[in-house]
């Protein structure tokens, strides 16, 4: 819990925390490279970006969020229950998004044909935005909590989060474009979601001195959301691509390779974190 006695002046802690959170927010703009890619090239590369996103989401959940929560709480059963709760939460949220999506199409279609619009974003893309917002909020609380300890701990935490976010932000934009957003909207919405990092920092700095809040217990819920998005949203979309072209062995191998690259990027971050902590 972040109820600590900081030796750093209060105003300085706020300034450092907001600057660190803003730096993490700006990392979201690395995905803007899609704006400079030709539409044909982008269309061909989307399944690979989607595969990368699957690897990053699963690697993030199983290699970072869950081990971190278990290590901090020492209660594996509680962490697993919260992970399941996160998956169920995202299941019901997707149901709500799908219901709203179908209801809008039904009310706008004069023939009352319940066929989704080809231009409307898929519900899983909207769920991805929600999952990112929750994750970024948690990052903001972790950054602010570290700065409450001391500035060095805060900036080391910020650096670790930035390195962690780089591959995730690139894959997230690709997943949003694949989910139906235009490249420009995908970049914009991804950046807006990143601002929840600032909200998390402000929340903790404003309430952390008297509110009994521990973001560690929120990590498994975020992990459950990421597992749900990857396993129930993105992987089925990849299967649809390969089912449409059963003979495309090269495409299937490429998807597997990029999933492995996504997981490997999370493993590299573990190595980086160990080097920083030694």
C-alpha atoms as a PDB file:
ATOM      1  CA  UNK A   1       0.000   0.000   0.000  1.00  0.00           C
ATOM      2  CA  UNK A   2       1.202   3.485  -0.788  1.00  0.00           C
ATOM      3  CA  UNK A   3       0.726   5.030   2.629  1.00  0.00           C
ATOM      4  CA  UNK A   4       4.340   6.051   3.101  1.00  0.00           C
ATOM      5  CA  UNK A   5       6.309   8.834   4.710  1.00  0.00           C
ATOM      6  CA  UNK A   6       8.120  10.546   1.870  1.00  0.00           C
ATOM      7  CA  UNK A   7      11.213  12.635   2.469  1.00  0.00           C
ATOM      8  CA  UNK A   8      10.663  14.397  -0.866  1.00  0.00           C
ATOM      9  CA  UNK A   9       8.820  17.766  -0.766  1.00  0.00           C
ATOM     10  CA  UNK A  10       5.135  17.360  -1.633  1.00  0.00           C
ATOM     11  CA  UNK A  11       5.173  19.727  -4.641  1.00  0.00           C
ATOM     12  CA  UNK A  12       8.323  18.107  -6.030  1.00  0.00           C
ATOM     13  CA  UNK A  13       6.680  14.682  -5.769  1.00  0.00           C
ATOM     14  CA  UNK A  14       3.707  15.951  -7.779  1.00  0.00           C
ATOM     15  CA  UNK A  15       5.931  17.474 -10.469  1.00  0.00           C
ATOM     16  CA  UNK A  16       8.070  14.345 -10.834  1.00  0.00           C
ATOM     17  CA  UNK A  17       5.031  12.056 -10.869  1.00  0.00           C
ATOM     18  CA  UNK A  18       3.198  14.067 -13.523  1.00  0.00           C
ATOM     19  CA  UNK A  19       6.302  14.357 -15.712  1.00  0.00           C
ATOM     20  CA  UNK A  20       6.950  10.621 -15.449  1.00  0.00           C
ATOM     21  CA  UNK A  21       3.330   9.811 -16.270  1.00  0.00           C
ATOM     22  CA  UNK A  22       3.353  12.243 -19.200  1.00  0.00           C
ATOM     23  CA  UNK A  23       6.476  10.553 -20.581  1.00  0.00           C
ATOM     24  CA  UNK A  24       4.629   7.218 -20.501  1.00  0.00           C
ATOM     25  CA  UNK A  25       1.636   8.822 -22.246  1.00  0.00           C
ATOM     26  CA  UNK A  26       3.833  10.123 -25.072  1.00  0.00           C
ATOM     27  CA  UNK A  27       5.118   6.592 -25.719  1.00  0.00           C
ATOM     28  CA  UNK A  28       1.648   5.834 -27.106  1.00  0.00           C
ATOM     29  CA  UNK A  29       2.497   7.998 -30.118  1.00  0.00           C
ATOM     30  CA  UNK A  30       5.088   5.500 -31.384  1.00  0.00           C
ATOM     31  CA  UNK A  31       2.178   3.718 -33.037  1.00  0.00           C
ATOM     32  CA  UNK A  32       1.642   6.712 -35.330  1.00  0.00           C
ATOM     33  CA  UNK A  33       3.961   5.062 -37.857  1.00  0.00           C
ATOM     34  CA  UNK A  34       0.817   3.457 -39.339  1.00  0.00           C
ATOM     35  CA  UNK A  35      -0.147   6.892 -40.679  1.00  0.00           C
ATOM     36  CA  UNK A  36       2.837   6.805 -43.027  1.00  0.00           C
ATOM     37  CA  UNK A  37       2.364   3.270 -44.328  1.00  0.00           C
ATOM     38  CA  UNK A  38       0.624   2.651 -47.641  1.00  0.00           C
ATOM     39  CA  UNK A  39      -2.887   1.170 -47.197  1.00  0.00           C
ATOM     40  CA  UNK A  40      -1.997  -1.956 -49.190  1.00  0.00           C
ATOM     41  CA  UNK A  41       1.129  -2.544 -47.101  1.00  0.00           C
ATOM     42  CA  UNK A  42      -0.789  -1.886 -43.890  1.00  0.00           C
ATOM     43  CA  UNK A  43      -3.509  -4.362 -44.870  1.00  0.00           C
ATOM     44  CA  UNK A  44      -0.923  -7.087 -45.477  1.00  0.00           C
ATOM     45  CA  UNK A  45       0.902  -6.380 -42.229  1.00  0.00           C
ATOM     46  CA  UNK A  46      -2.184  -6.217 -39.987  1.00  0.00           C
ATOM     47  CA  UNK A  47      -2.276  -9.975 -39.220  1.00  0.00           C
ATOM     48  CA  UNK A  48       1.369  -9.758 -38.161  1.00  0.00           C
ATOM     49  CA  UNK A  49       0.680  -6.767 -35.911  1.00  0.00           C
ATOM     50  CA  UNK A  50      -2.309  -8.650 -34.532  1.00  0.00           C
ATOM     51  CA  UNK A  51      -0.081 -11.663 -33.819  1.00  0.00           C
ATOM     52  CA  UNK A  52       2.475  -9.406 -32.130  1.00  0.00           C
ATOM     53  CA  UNK A  53      -0.322  -7.981 -29.994  1.00  0.00           C
ATOM     54  CA  UNK A  54      -1.370 -11.494 -28.907  1.00  0.00           C
ATOM     55  CA  UNK A  55       2.183 -12.280 -27.802  1.00  0.00           C
ATOM     56  CA  UNK A  56       2.589  -8.975 -25.969  1.00  0.00           C
ATOM     57  CA  UNK A  57      -0.763  -9.270 -24.176  1.00  0.00           C
ATOM     58  CA  UNK A  58      -0.186 -12.863 -23.066  1.00  0.00           C
ATOM     59  CA  UNK A  59       3.463 -12.237 -22.200  1.00  0.00           C
ATOM     60  CA  UNK A  60       2.516  -9.152 -20.219  1.00  0.00           C
ATOM     61  CA  UNK A  61      -0.155 -11.049 -18.272  1.00  0.00           C
ATOM     62  CA  UNK A  62       1.755 -14.266 -17.558  1.00  0.00           C
ATOM     63  CA  UNK A  63       5.302 -12.920 -17.232  1.00  0.00           C
ATOM     64  CA  UNK A  64       4.765  -9.529 -15.573  1.00  0.00           C
ATOM     65  CA  UNK A  65       1.377  -8.788 -14.061  1.00  0.00           C
ATOM     66  CA  UNK A  66       0.566 -12.155 -12.476  1.00  0.00           C
ATOM     67  CA  UNK A  67       4.068 -12.966 -11.135  1.00  0.00           C
ATOM     68  CA  UNK A  68       4.305  -9.417  -9.775  1.00  0.00           C
ATOM     69  CA  UNK A  69       0.953  -9.686  -8.020  1.00  0.00           C
ATOM     70  CA  UNK A  70       1.786 -13.110  -6.543  1.00  0.00           C
ATOM     71  CA  UNK A  71       5.199 -11.890  -5.413  1.00  0.00           C
ATOM     72  CA  UNK A  72       3.747  -8.801  -3.710  1.00  0.00           C
ATOM     73  CA  UNK A  73       0.689 -10.399  -2.096  1.00  0.00           C
ATOM     74  CA  UNK A  74       2.002 -13.909  -1.433  1.00  0.00           C
ATOM     75  CA  UNK A  75      -1.536 -15.183  -2.024  1.00  0.00           C
ATOM     76  CA  UNK A  76      -1.666 -17.209  -5.243  1.00  0.00           C
ATOM     77  CA  UNK A  77      -5.298 -18.245  -4.819  1.00  0.00           C
ATOM     78  CA  UNK A  78      -6.494 -14.662  -4.418  1.00  0.00           C
ATOM     79  CA  UNK A  79      -4.511 -13.587  -7.477  1.00  0.00           C
ATOM     80  CA  UNK A  80      -5.997 -16.408  -9.558  1.00  0.00           C
ATOM     81  CA  UNK A  81      -9.525 -15.574  -8.377  1.00  0.00           C
ATOM     82  CA  UNK A  82      -9.018 -11.919  -9.285  1.00  0.00           C
ATOM     83  CA  UNK A  83      -7.683 -12.997 -12.685  1.00  0.00           C
ATOM     84  CA  UNK A  84     -10.832 -15.038 -13.300  1.00  0.00           C
ATOM     85  CA  UNK A  85     -12.879 -12.076 -12.106  1.00  0.00           C
ATOM     86  CA  UNK A  86     -11.084  -9.908 -14.663  1.00  0.00           C
ATOM     87  CA  UNK A  87     -11.872 -12.369 -17.443  1.00  0.00           C
ATOM     88  CA  UNK A  88     -15.538 -12.514 -16.425  1.00  0.00           C
ATOM     89  CA  UNK A  89     -15.665  -8.733 -16.169  1.00  0.00           C
ATOM     90  CA  UNK A  90     -14.383  -8.351 -19.710  1.00  0.00           C
ATOM     91  CA  UNK A  91     -16.772 -11.083 -20.881  1.00  0.00           C
ATOM     92  CA  UNK A  92     -19.790  -9.165 -19.581  1.00  0.00           C
ATOM     93  CA  UNK A  93     -18.395  -5.864 -20.824  1.00  0.00           C
ATOM     94  CA  UNK A  94     -18.033  -7.345 -24.300  1.00  0.00           C
ATOM     95  CA  UNK A  95     -21.612  -8.624 -24.072  1.00  0.00           C
ATOM     96  CA  UNK A  96     -22.737  -5.093 -23.260  1.00  0.00           C
ATOM     97  CA  UNK A  97     -20.703  -3.615 -26.117  1.00  0.00           C
ATOM     98  CA  UNK A  98     -22.045  -6.223 -28.549  1.00  0.00           C
ATOM     99  CA  UNK A  99     -25.623  -5.609 -27.404  1.00  0.00           C
ATOM    100  CA  UNK A 100     -25.231  -1.879 -27.946  1.00  0.00           C
ATOM    101  CA  UNK A 101     -23.582  -2.509 -31.318  1.00  0.00           C
ATOM    102  CA  UNK A 102     -26.372  -4.812 -32.552  1.00  0.00           C
ATOM    103  CA  UNK A 103     -29.079  -2.528 -31.147  1.00  0.00           C
ATOM    104  CA  UNK A 104     -27.684   0.469 -33.030  1.00  0.00           C
ATOM    105  CA  UNK A 105     -27.457  -1.472 -36.287  1.00  0.00           C
ATOM    106  CA  UNK A 106     -31.012  -2.774 -35.803  1.00  0.00           C
ATOM    107  CA  UNK A 107     -32.441   0.676 -35.186  1.00  0.00           C
ATOM    108  CA  UNK A 108     -30.610   2.268 -38.117  1.00  0.00           C
ATOM    109  CA  UNK A 109     -31.294  -0.430 -40.709  1.00  0.00           C
ATOM    110  CA  UNK A 110     -34.734   0.165 -42.289  1.00  0.00           C
ATOM    111  CA  UNK A 111     -34.903  -3.500 -43.350  1.00  0.00           C
ATOM    112  CA  UNK A 112     -34.242  -4.603 -39.755  1.00  0.00           C
ATOM    113  CA  UNK A 113     -31.363  -6.781 -40.889  1.00  0.00           C
ATOM    114  CA  UNK A 114     -29.025  -7.508 -37.999  1.00  0.00           C
ATOM    115  CA  UNK A 115     -25.877  -7.357 -40.107  1.00  0.00           C
ATOM    116  CA  UNK A 116     -22.960  -5.412 -38.644  1.00  0.00           C
ATOM    117  CA  UNK A 117     -21.648  -2.463 -40.541  1.00  0.00           C
ATOM    118  CA  UNK A 118     -18.408  -3.108 -42.362  1.00  0.00           C
ATOM    119  CA  UNK A 119     -17.106   0.247 -41.195  1.00  0.00           C
ATOM    120  CA  UNK A 120     -17.993  -0.004 -37.500  1.00  0.00           C
ATOM    121  CA  UNK A 121     -15.295  -1.108 -35.059  1.00  0.00           C
ATOM    122  CA  UNK A 122     -15.480  -4.647 -33.752  1.00  0.00           C
ATOM    123  CA  UNK A 123     -16.390  -4.957 -30.059  1.00  0.00           C
ATOM    124  CA  UNK A 124     -13.015  -6.542 -29.306  1.00  0.00           C
ATOM    125  CA  UNK A 125     -11.291  -3.340 -30.488  1.00  0.00           C
ATOM    126  CA  UNK A 126     -13.313  -1.334 -27.985  1.00  0.00           C
ATOM    127  CA  UNK A 127     -12.489  -3.883 -25.287  1.00  0.00           C
ATOM    128  CA  UNK A 128      -8.816  -3.464 -26.134  1.00  0.00           C
ATOM    129  CA  UNK A 129      -9.116   0.269 -25.499  1.00  0.00           C
ATOM    130  CA  UNK A 130     -10.774  -0.394 -22.151  1.00  0.00           C
ATOM    131  CA  UNK A 131      -8.089  -2.869 -21.133  1.00  0.00           C
ATOM    132  CA  UNK A 132      -5.370  -0.394 -22.078  1.00  0.00           C
ATOM    133  CA  UNK A 133      -7.030   2.362 -20.071  1.00  0.00           C
ATOM    134  CA  UNK A 134      -7.133   0.154 -16.961  1.00  0.00           C
ATOM    135  CA  UNK A 135      -3.513  -0.913 -17.442  1.00  0.00           C
ATOM    136  CA  UNK A 136      -2.314   2.673 -17.952  1.00  0.00           C
ATOM    137  CA  UNK A 137      -4.220   3.805 -14.846  1.00  0.00           C
ATOM    138  CA  UNK A 138      -2.388   1.161 -12.818  1.00  0.00           C
ATOM    139  CA  UNK A 139       0.920   2.304 -14.337  1.00  0.00           C
ATOM    140  CA  UNK A 140       0.151   5.834 -13.173  1.00  0.00           C
ATOM    141  CA  UNK A 141      -0.435   4.685  -9.596  1.00  0.00           C
ATOM    142  CA  UNK A 142       2.802   2.677  -9.648  1.00  0.00           C
ATOM    143  CA  UNK A 143       4.763   5.692 -10.924  1.00  0.00           C
ATOM    144  CA  UNK A 144       3.306   8.042  -8.318  1.00  0.00           C
ATOM    145  CA  UNK A 145       3.771   5.463  -5.563  1.00  0.00           C
ATOM    146  CA  UNK A 146       7.437   5.094  -6.476  1.00  0.00           C
ATOM    147  CA  UNK A 147       7.981   8.857  -6.435  1.00  0.00           C
ATOM    148  CA  UNK A 148       6.398   8.971  -2.976  1.00  0.00           C
ATOM    149  CA  UNK A 149       9.309   6.785  -1.858  1.00  0.00           C
ATOM    150  CA  UNK A 150      12.044   8.845  -3.551  1.00  0.00           C
ATOM    151  CA  UNK A 151      12.794  10.401  -6.985  1.00  0.00           C
ATOM    152  CA  UNK A 152      15.321   7.713  -8.000  1.00  0.00           C
ATOM    153  CA  UNK A 153      12.817   4.914  -7.407  1.00  0.00           C
ATOM    154  CA  UNK A 154      10.223   6.901  -9.324  1.00  0.00           C
ATOM    155  CA  UNK A 155      12.342   7.471 -12.424  1.00  0.00           C
ATOM    156  CA  UNK A 156      13.567   3.874 -12.459  1.00  0.00           C
ATOM    157  CA  UNK A 157       9.935   2.735 -12.373  1.00  0.00           C
ATOM    158  CA  UNK A 158       9.072   5.192 -15.152  1.00  0.00           C
ATOM    159  CA  UNK A 159      11.936   3.939 -17.313  1.00  0.00           C
ATOM    160  CA  UNK A 160      10.909   0.315 -16.778  1.00  0.00           C
ATOM    161  CA  UNK A 161       7.307   1.113 -17.749  1.00  0.00           C
ATOM    162  CA  UNK A 162       8.405   3.017 -20.877  1.00  0.00           C
ATOM    163  CA  UNK A 163      10.523   0.085 -22.061  1.00  0.00           C
ATOM    164  CA  UNK A 164       7.622  -2.218 -21.284  1.00  0.00           C
ATOM    165  CA  UNK A 165       5.130  -0.029 -23.177  1.00  0.00           C
ATOM    166  CA  UNK A 166       7.068   0.374 -26.450  1.00  0.00           C
ATOM    167  CA  UNK A 167       6.198  -2.981 -28.055  1.00  0.00           C
ATOM    168  CA  UNK A 168       2.714  -2.940 -26.536  1.00  0.00           C
ATOM    169  CA  UNK A 169       1.773   0.448 -27.990  1.00  0.00           C
ATOM    170  CA  UNK A 170       2.925  -0.550 -31.486  1.00  0.00           C
ATOM    171  CA  UNK A 171       0.911  -3.761 -31.375  1.00  0.00           C
ATOM    172  CA  UNK A 172      -2.111  -2.010 -29.852  1.00  0.00           C
ATOM    173  CA  UNK A 173      -2.437   0.410 -32.765  1.00  0.00           C
ATOM    174  CA  UNK A 174      -2.218  -2.494 -35.198  1.00  0.00           C
ATOM    175  CA  UNK A 175      -4.931  -4.344 -33.264  1.00  0.00           C
ATOM    176  CA  UNK A 176      -7.199  -1.283 -33.326  1.00  0.00           C
ATOM    177  CA  UNK A 177      -6.768  -0.833 -37.074  1.00  0.00           C
ATOM    178  CA  UNK A 178      -7.487  -4.524 -37.554  1.00  0.00           C
ATOM    179  CA  UNK A 179     -10.560  -4.090 -35.345  1.00  0.00           C
ATOM    180  CA  UNK A 180     -12.099  -1.519 -37.662  1.00  0.00           C
ATOM    181  CA  UNK A 181     -10.679   1.873 -36.702  1.00  0.00           C
ATOM    182  CA  UNK A 182      -8.998   4.065 -39.285  1.00  0.00           C
ATOM    183  CA  UNK A 183      -5.239   4.495 -38.692  1.00  0.00           C
ATOM    184  CA  UNK A 184      -5.743   8.106 -37.600  1.00  0.00           C
ATOM    185  CA  UNK A 185      -8.513   7.205 -35.140  1.00  0.00           C
ATOM    186  CA  UNK A 186      -6.527   4.224 -33.855  1.00  0.00           C
ATOM    187  CA  UNK A 187      -3.550   6.447 -33.008  1.00  0.00           C
ATOM    188  CA  UNK A 188      -5.779   9.120 -31.467  1.00  0.00           C
ATOM    189  CA  UNK A 189      -7.860   6.748 -29.323  1.00  0.00           C
ATOM    190  CA  UNK A 190      -4.754   4.873 -28.218  1.00  0.00           C
ATOM    191  CA  UNK A 191      -3.215   8.161 -27.069  1.00  0.00           C
ATOM    192  CA  UNK A 192      -6.401   9.168 -25.247  1.00  0.00           C
ATOM    193  CA  UNK A 193      -6.337   5.838 -23.389  1.00  0.00           C
ATOM    194  CA  UNK A 194      -2.743   6.479 -22.382  1.00  0.00           C
ATOM    195  CA  UNK A 195      -3.863   9.635 -20.539  1.00  0.00           C
ATOM    196  CA  UNK A 196      -5.410   7.395 -17.887  1.00  0.00           C
ATOM    197  CA  UNK A 197      -1.808   7.044 -16.675  1.00  0.00           C
ATOM    198  CA  UNK A 198      -1.958  10.694 -15.610  1.00  0.00           C
ATOM    199  CA  UNK A 199      -5.325  10.035 -13.989  1.00  0.00           C
ATOM    200  CA  UNK A 200      -3.834   7.150 -12.017  1.00  0.00           C
ATOM    201  CA  UNK A 201      -0.964   9.300 -10.776  1.00  0.00           C
ATOM    202  CA  UNK A 202      -3.293  12.137  -9.742  1.00  0.00           C
ATOM    203  CA  UNK A 203      -5.625   9.661  -8.033  1.00  0.00           C
ATOM    204  CA  UNK A 204      -2.863   8.150  -5.929  1.00  0.00           C
ATOM    205  CA  UNK A 205      -1.202  11.452  -5.048  1.00  0.00           C
ATOM    206  CA  UNK A 206      -4.578  12.886  -4.022  1.00  0.00           C
ATOM    207  CA  UNK A 207      -5.806   9.927  -1.986  1.00  0.00           C
ATOM    208  CA  UNK A 208      -2.807   7.690  -1.279  1.00  0.00           C
ATOM    209  CA  UNK A 209      -1.987   9.375   2.031  1.00  0.00           C
ATOM    210  CA  UNK A 210      -5.321   8.421   3.585  1.00  0.00           C
ATOM    211  CA  UNK A 211      -7.052   5.895   1.308  1.00  0.00           C
ATOM    212  CA  UNK A 212      -6.235   2.226   1.915  1.00  0.00           C
ATOM    213  CA  UNK A 213      -5.673   1.463  -1.784  1.00  0.00           C
ATOM    214  CA  UNK A 214      -3.214  -1.057  -3.176  1.00  0.00           C
ATOM    215  CA  UNK A 215      -2.945  -1.238  -6.994  1.00  0.00           C
ATOM    216  CA  UNK A 216      -1.274  -4.637  -6.674  1.00  0.00           C
ATOM    217  CA  UNK A 217      -4.749  -6.148  -6.289  1.00  0.00           C
ATOM    218  CA  UNK A 218      -5.813  -4.513  -9.549  1.00  0.00           C
ATOM    219  CA  UNK A 219      -3.011  -6.139 -11.558  1.00  0.00           C
ATOM    220  CA  UNK A 220      -4.668  -9.591 -11.757  1.00  0.00           C
ATOM    221  CA  UNK A 221      -7.899  -8.005 -12.998  1.00  0.00           C
ATOM    222  CA  UNK A 222      -5.972  -6.253 -15.766  1.00  0.00           C
ATOM    223  CA  UNK A 223      -4.163  -9.524 -16.519  1.00  0.00           C
ATOM    224  CA  UNK A 224      -7.483 -11.341 -16.800  1.00  0.00           C
ATOM    225  CA  UNK A 225      -8.671  -8.688 -19.234  1.00  0.00           C
ATOM    226  CA  UNK A 226      -5.573  -9.056 -21.399  1.00  0.00           C
ATOM    227  CA  UNK A 227      -5.872 -12.857 -21.426  1.00  0.00           C
ATOM    228  CA  UNK A 228      -9.520 -12.578 -22.448  1.00  0.00           C
ATOM    229  CA  UNK A 229      -8.776 -10.090 -25.239  1.00  0.00           C
ATOM    230  CA  UNK A 230      -5.945 -12.208 -26.639  1.00  0.00           C
ATOM    231  CA  UNK A 231      -7.582 -15.629 -26.306  1.00  0.00           C
ATOM    232  CA  UNK A 232     -11.209 -14.774 -27.055  1.00  0.00           C
ATOM    233  CA  UNK A 233     -10.831 -11.816 -29.387  1.00  0.00           C
ATOM    234  CA  UNK A 234      -7.570 -11.680 -31.296  1.00  0.00           C
ATOM    235  CA  UNK A 235      -6.651 -15.366 -31.711  1.00  0.00           C
ATOM    236  CA  UNK A 236     -10.057 -16.272 -33.243  1.00  0.00           C
ATOM    237  CA  UNK A 237      -9.549 -13.438 -35.750  1.00  0.00           C
ATOM    238  CA  UNK A 238      -6.177 -14.918 -36.703  1.00  0.00           C
ATOM    239  CA  UNK A 239      -7.817 -18.316 -37.192  1.00  0.00           C
ATOM    240  CA  UNK A 240     -10.356 -16.725 -39.526  1.00  0.00           C
ATOM    241  CA  UNK A 241      -7.523 -15.379 -41.649  1.00  0.00           C
ATOM    242  CA  UNK A 242      -5.843 -18.765 -41.977  1.00  0.00           C
ATOM    243  CA  UNK A 243      -9.163 -20.605 -42.444  1.00  0.00           C
ATOM    244  CA  UNK A 244      -9.847 -18.371 -45.437  1.00  0.00           C
ATOM    245  CA  UNK A 245      -6.542 -19.539 -46.924  1.00  0.00           C
ATOM    246  CA  UNK A 246      -5.874 -23.080 -45.599  1.00  0.00           C
ATOM    247  CA  UNK A 247      -2.902 -23.544 -47.915  1.00  0.00           C
ATOM    248  CA  UNK A 248      -1.151 -20.440 -46.585  1.00  0.00           C
ATOM    249  CA  UNK A 249       1.442 -22.261 -44.497  1.00  0.00           C
ATOM    250  CA  UNK A 250       3.761 -19.257 -44.692  1.00  0.00           C
ATOM    251  CA  UNK A 251       1.067 -17.024 -43.193  1.00  0.00           C
ATOM    252  CA  UNK A 252       0.457 -19.446 -40.327  1.00  0.00           C
ATOM    253  CA  UNK A 253       4.162 -19.697 -39.556  1.00  0.00           C
ATOM    254  CA  UNK A 254       4.479 -15.904 -39.698  1.00  0.00           C
ATOM    255  CA  UNK A 255       1.656 -15.523 -37.185  1.00  0.00           C
ATOM    256  CA  UNK A 256       3.327 -17.995 -34.834  1.00  0.00           C
ATOM    257  CA  UNK A 257       6.649 -16.205 -35.236  1.00  0.00           C
ATOM    258  CA  UNK A 258       5.194 -12.793 -34.377  1.00  0.00           C
ATOM    259  CA  UNK A 259       3.336 -14.189 -31.367  1.00  0.00           C
ATOM    260  CA  UNK A 260       6.690 -15.560 -30.199  1.00  0.00           C
ATOM    261  CA  UNK A 261       8.305 -12.169 -30.825  1.00  0.00           C
ATOM    262  CA  UNK A 262       5.666 -10.508 -28.667  1.00  0.00           C
ATOM    263  CA  UNK A 263       6.308 -12.924 -25.804  1.00  0.00           C
ATOM    264  CA  UNK A 264      10.077 -12.558 -26.290  1.00  0.00           C
ATOM    265  CA  UNK A 265       9.821  -8.776 -25.982  1.00  0.00           C
ATOM    266  CA  UNK A 266       8.284  -9.269 -22.539  1.00  0.00           C
ATOM    267  CA  UNK A 267      11.081 -11.686 -21.605  1.00  0.00           C
ATOM    268  CA  UNK A 268      13.681  -9.114 -22.647  1.00  0.00           C
ATOM    269  CA  UNK A 269      12.050  -6.587 -20.352  1.00  0.00           C
ATOM    270  CA  UNK A 270      12.464  -9.025 -17.447  1.00  0.00           C
ATOM    271  CA  UNK A 271      16.186  -9.190 -18.244  1.00  0.00           C
ATOM    272  CA  UNK A 272      16.320  -5.375 -18.383  1.00  0.00           C
ATOM    273  CA  UNK A 273      14.536  -5.038 -15.036  1.00  0.00           C
ATOM    274  CA  UNK A 274      16.972  -7.467 -13.401  1.00  0.00           C
ATOM    275  CA  UNK A 275      19.931  -5.496 -14.766  1.00  0.00           C
ATOM    276  CA  UNK A 276      18.472  -2.247 -13.428  1.00  0.00           C
ATOM    277  CA  UNK A 277      17.814  -3.730  -9.992  1.00  0.00           C
ATOM    278  CA  UNK A 278      21.339  -5.171  -9.620  1.00  0.00           C
END
